[in-house]
């Protein structure tokens, strides 16, 4: 199952260095991009960010448009949020 979300800036968490500090890559975009994402990749949702798993054990925090209520509504329409 998939949902459509407008996303923009994101942070990729690549793991940790030898001092246990997160290794992050920040990506900033001027425009919102509409994406179709698999619901199975969503791990957590806040008012401003979607946490998703990413290739090779990495995590990605996406800024998205619409807020928590909009994601809840999309998940309800997909039949995966009760």
N, C-alpha and C. Protein backbone atom coordinates (compact mmCIF):
# COMPACT_ATOMS: atom_id res chain seq x y z
N UNK A 1 0.83 -1.18 0.00
CA UNK A 1 0.00 0.00 0.00
C UNK A 1 0.88 1.24 0.00
N UNK A 2 0.34 2.28 -0.63
CA UNK A 2 1.08 3.52 -0.80
C UNK A 2 0.19 4.71 -0.46
N UNK A 3 0.83 5.84 -0.11
CA UNK A 3 0.13 7.11 0.02
C UNK A 3 0.93 8.17 -0.73
N UNK A 4 0.25 9.23 -1.12
CA UNK A 4 0.90 10.34 -1.82
C UNK A 4 1.11 11.47 -0.82
N UNK A 5 2.35 11.99 -0.75
CA UNK A 5 2.71 13.03 0.21
C UNK A 5 3.61 14.05 -0.47
N UNK A 6 3.40 15.34 -0.19
CA UNK A 6 4.32 16.38 -0.66
C UNK A 6 5.44 16.51 0.37
N UNK A 7 6.68 16.36 -0.11
CA UNK A 7 7.84 16.37 0.77
C UNK A 7 8.87 17.36 0.25
N UNK A 8 9.76 17.80 1.16
CA UNK A 8 10.76 18.77 0.74
C UNK A 8 12.11 18.43 1.38
N UNK A 9 12.49 19.13 2.41
CA UNK A 9 13.79 18.92 3.03
C UNK A 9 13.85 17.58 3.75
N UNK A 10 15.06 17.02 3.84
CA UNK A 10 15.20 15.76 4.58
C UNK A 10 16.60 15.61 5.15
N UNK A 11 16.68 14.76 6.16
CA UNK A 11 17.95 14.44 6.80
C UNK A 11 18.12 12.92 6.73
N UNK A 12 19.24 12.47 6.19
CA UNK A 12 19.53 11.04 6.12
C UNK A 12 20.49 10.72 7.27
N UNK A 13 20.12 9.77 8.10
CA UNK A 13 20.96 9.34 9.21
C UNK A 13 21.67 8.07 8.75
N UNK A 14 23.00 8.17 8.57
CA UNK A 14 23.80 7.09 7.99
C UNK A 14 24.36 6.13 9.03
N UNK A 15 24.17 6.41 10.30
CA UNK A 15 24.74 5.57 11.35
C UNK A 15 25.48 6.43 12.35
N UNK A 16 26.51 5.86 12.96
CA UNK A 16 27.23 6.55 14.03
C UNK A 16 28.73 6.45 13.79
N UNK A 17 29.45 7.50 14.23
CA UNK A 17 30.91 7.48 14.12
C UNK A 17 31.51 6.76 15.33
N UNK A 18 32.84 6.75 15.45
CA UNK A 18 33.53 6.05 16.53
C UNK A 18 33.23 6.65 17.91
N UNK A 19 32.71 7.88 17.95
CA UNK A 19 32.34 8.53 19.21
C UNK A 19 30.84 8.44 19.48
N UNK A 20 30.15 7.59 18.74
CA UNK A 20 28.71 7.38 18.86
C UNK A 20 27.89 8.62 18.50
N UNK A 21 28.45 9.49 17.65
CA UNK A 21 27.74 10.66 17.17
C UNK A 21 27.10 10.31 15.83
N UNK A 22 25.84 10.75 15.66
CA UNK A 22 25.13 10.45 14.41
C UNK A 22 25.85 11.07 13.21
N UNK A 23 25.91 10.30 12.14
CA UNK A 23 26.43 10.80 10.87
C UNK A 23 25.21 11.15 10.02
N UNK A 24 25.04 12.46 9.77
CA UNK A 24 23.86 12.93 9.07
C UNK A 24 24.21 13.68 7.80
N UNK A 25 23.32 13.56 6.83
CA UNK A 25 23.42 14.31 5.57
C UNK A 25 22.13 15.11 5.43
N UNK A 26 22.24 16.44 5.44
CA UNK A 26 21.07 17.30 5.33
C UNK A 26 20.89 17.74 3.88
N UNK A 27 19.66 17.62 3.38
CA UNK A 27 19.33 17.99 2.01
C UNK A 27 18.20 19.01 2.07
N UNK A 28 18.44 20.19 1.48
CA UNK A 28 17.41 21.23 1.45
C UNK A 28 16.99 21.49 0.01
N UNK A 29 15.69 21.52 -0.19
CA UNK A 29 15.11 21.76 -1.51
C UNK A 29 14.21 22.98 -1.45
N UNK A 30 14.17 23.75 -2.51
CA UNK A 30 13.32 24.95 -2.58
C UNK A 30 11.85 24.58 -2.81
N UNK A 31 11.62 23.55 -3.57
CA UNK A 31 10.26 23.18 -3.99
C UNK A 31 9.79 21.91 -3.28
N UNK A 32 8.49 21.83 -3.07
CA UNK A 32 7.88 20.59 -2.59
C UNK A 32 7.82 19.61 -3.74
N UNK A 33 8.04 18.34 -3.46
CA UNK A 33 7.94 17.29 -4.47
C UNK A 33 6.89 16.28 -4.01
N UNK A 34 5.96 15.99 -4.89
CA UNK A 34 4.94 15.00 -4.57
C UNK A 34 5.53 13.61 -4.78
N UNK A 35 5.42 12.77 -3.76
CA UNK A 35 5.99 11.42 -3.82
C UNK A 35 4.93 10.41 -3.44
N UNK A 36 5.03 9.25 -4.03
CA UNK A 36 4.19 8.12 -3.64
C UNK A 36 5.10 7.20 -2.84
N UNK A 37 4.76 7.02 -1.56
CA UNK A 37 5.64 6.27 -0.66
C UNK A 37 4.94 5.02 -0.13
N UNK A 38 5.70 3.94 0.07
CA UNK A 38 5.10 2.74 0.65
C UNK A 38 4.85 2.94 2.15
N UNK A 39 3.66 2.63 2.58
CA UNK A 39 3.29 2.77 3.98
C UNK A 39 4.21 1.94 4.87
N UNK A 40 4.66 0.81 4.38
CA UNK A 40 5.51 -0.09 5.17
C UNK A 40 6.84 0.54 5.57
N UNK A 41 7.27 1.59 4.87
CA UNK A 41 8.54 2.25 5.20
C UNK A 41 8.40 3.30 6.29
N UNK A 42 7.17 3.72 6.59
CA UNK A 42 6.94 4.74 7.62
C UNK A 42 7.14 4.12 9.00
N UNK A 43 8.00 4.74 9.80
CA UNK A 43 8.27 4.23 11.15
C UNK A 43 7.67 5.11 12.23
N UNK A 44 7.55 6.41 11.96
CA UNK A 44 7.00 7.35 12.93
C UNK A 44 6.58 8.61 12.20
N UNK A 45 5.59 9.32 12.77
CA UNK A 45 5.12 10.56 12.18
C UNK A 45 4.95 11.59 13.29
N UNK A 46 5.47 12.80 13.07
CA UNK A 46 5.21 13.92 13.95
C UNK A 46 4.48 14.98 13.15
N UNK A 47 4.19 16.11 13.77
CA UNK A 47 3.50 17.19 13.08
C UNK A 47 4.28 17.69 11.86
N UNK A 48 5.62 17.57 11.89
CA UNK A 48 6.44 18.14 10.82
C UNK A 48 7.29 17.14 10.05
N UNK A 49 7.45 15.91 10.55
CA UNK A 49 8.39 14.99 9.91
C UNK A 49 7.87 13.56 9.86
N UNK A 50 8.25 12.89 8.78
CA UNK A 50 8.02 11.44 8.62
C UNK A 50 9.37 10.76 8.79
N UNK A 51 9.45 9.79 9.67
CA UNK A 51 10.66 8.97 9.79
C UNK A 51 10.42 7.71 8.98
N UNK A 52 11.35 7.46 8.04
CA UNK A 52 11.21 6.29 7.17
C UNK A 52 12.51 5.52 7.13
N UNK A 53 12.41 4.20 6.94
CA UNK A 53 13.64 3.45 6.72
C UNK A 53 14.12 3.74 5.31
N UNK A 54 15.40 3.55 5.10
CA UNK A 54 16.06 3.92 3.86
C UNK A 54 17.03 2.80 3.51
N UNK A 55 17.58 2.82 2.36
CA UNK A 55 18.46 1.76 1.88
C UNK A 55 19.65 1.52 2.81
N UNK A 56 20.06 0.28 2.92
CA UNK A 56 21.27 -0.13 3.64
C UNK A 56 21.26 0.25 5.12
N UNK A 57 20.11 0.14 5.78
CA UNK A 57 20.03 0.38 7.21
C UNK A 57 20.03 1.83 7.63
N UNK A 58 19.88 2.73 6.70
CA UNK A 58 19.84 4.15 7.04
C UNK A 58 18.40 4.58 7.31
N UNK A 59 18.26 5.74 7.97
CA UNK A 59 16.96 6.33 8.27
C UNK A 59 16.88 7.69 7.61
N UNK A 60 15.68 8.10 7.24
CA UNK A 60 15.51 9.41 6.63
C UNK A 60 14.32 10.12 7.27
N UNK A 61 14.55 11.37 7.66
CA UNK A 61 13.52 12.23 8.25
C UNK A 61 13.10 13.22 7.17
N UNK A 62 11.85 13.12 6.71
CA UNK A 62 11.33 13.98 5.65
C UNK A 62 10.44 15.06 6.23
N UNK A 63 10.64 16.29 5.81
CA UNK A 63 9.67 17.36 6.08
C UNK A 63 8.53 17.13 5.09
N UNK A 64 7.30 17.21 5.56
CA UNK A 64 6.16 16.99 4.66
C UNK A 64 5.14 18.10 4.84
N UNK A 65 4.30 18.25 3.85
CA UNK A 65 3.27 19.30 3.85
C UNK A 65 1.96 18.74 4.40
N UNK A 66 1.32 19.51 5.27
CA UNK A 66 -0.04 19.16 5.67
C UNK A 66 -0.24 18.83 7.13
N UNK A 67 0.79 18.44 7.85
CA UNK A 67 0.65 18.15 9.27
C UNK A 67 0.15 16.74 9.56
N UNK A 68 0.16 16.44 10.83
CA UNK A 68 -0.17 15.09 11.32
C UNK A 68 -1.58 14.65 10.93
N UNK A 69 -2.53 15.55 11.02
CA UNK A 69 -3.92 15.18 10.68
C UNK A 69 -4.04 14.74 9.23
N UNK A 70 -3.25 15.36 8.33
CA UNK A 70 -3.34 14.97 6.92
C UNK A 70 -2.79 13.55 6.70
N UNK A 71 -1.71 13.20 7.40
CA UNK A 71 -1.15 11.85 7.27
C UNK A 71 -2.12 10.83 7.88
N UNK A 72 -2.69 11.18 9.03
CA UNK A 72 -3.67 10.29 9.66
C UNK A 72 -4.84 10.01 8.70
N UNK A 73 -5.33 11.05 8.05
CA UNK A 73 -6.44 10.89 7.11
C UNK A 73 -6.04 9.99 5.92
N UNK A 74 -4.84 10.18 5.39
CA UNK A 74 -4.37 9.35 4.28
C UNK A 74 -4.25 7.88 4.70
N UNK A 75 -3.75 7.64 5.92
CA UNK A 75 -3.62 6.28 6.41
C UNK A 75 -4.99 5.65 6.68
N UNK A 76 -5.93 6.43 7.17
CA UNK A 76 -7.31 5.93 7.36
C UNK A 76 -7.94 5.54 6.03
N UNK A 77 -7.75 6.40 5.02
CA UNK A 77 -8.30 6.10 3.68
C UNK A 77 -7.68 4.83 3.10
N UNK A 78 -6.43 4.58 3.45
CA UNK A 78 -5.75 3.36 2.98
C UNK A 78 -6.14 2.14 3.81
N UNK A 79 -6.89 2.37 4.90
CA UNK A 79 -7.35 1.26 5.73
C UNK A 79 -6.32 0.72 6.70
N UNK A 80 -5.30 1.51 7.03
CA UNK A 80 -4.26 1.02 7.93
C UNK A 80 -4.18 1.78 9.24
N UNK A 81 -5.10 2.72 9.46
CA UNK A 81 -5.12 3.49 10.70
C UNK A 81 -6.52 3.38 11.28
N UNK A 82 -6.62 2.84 12.47
CA UNK A 82 -7.94 2.63 13.06
C UNK A 82 -8.29 3.71 14.05
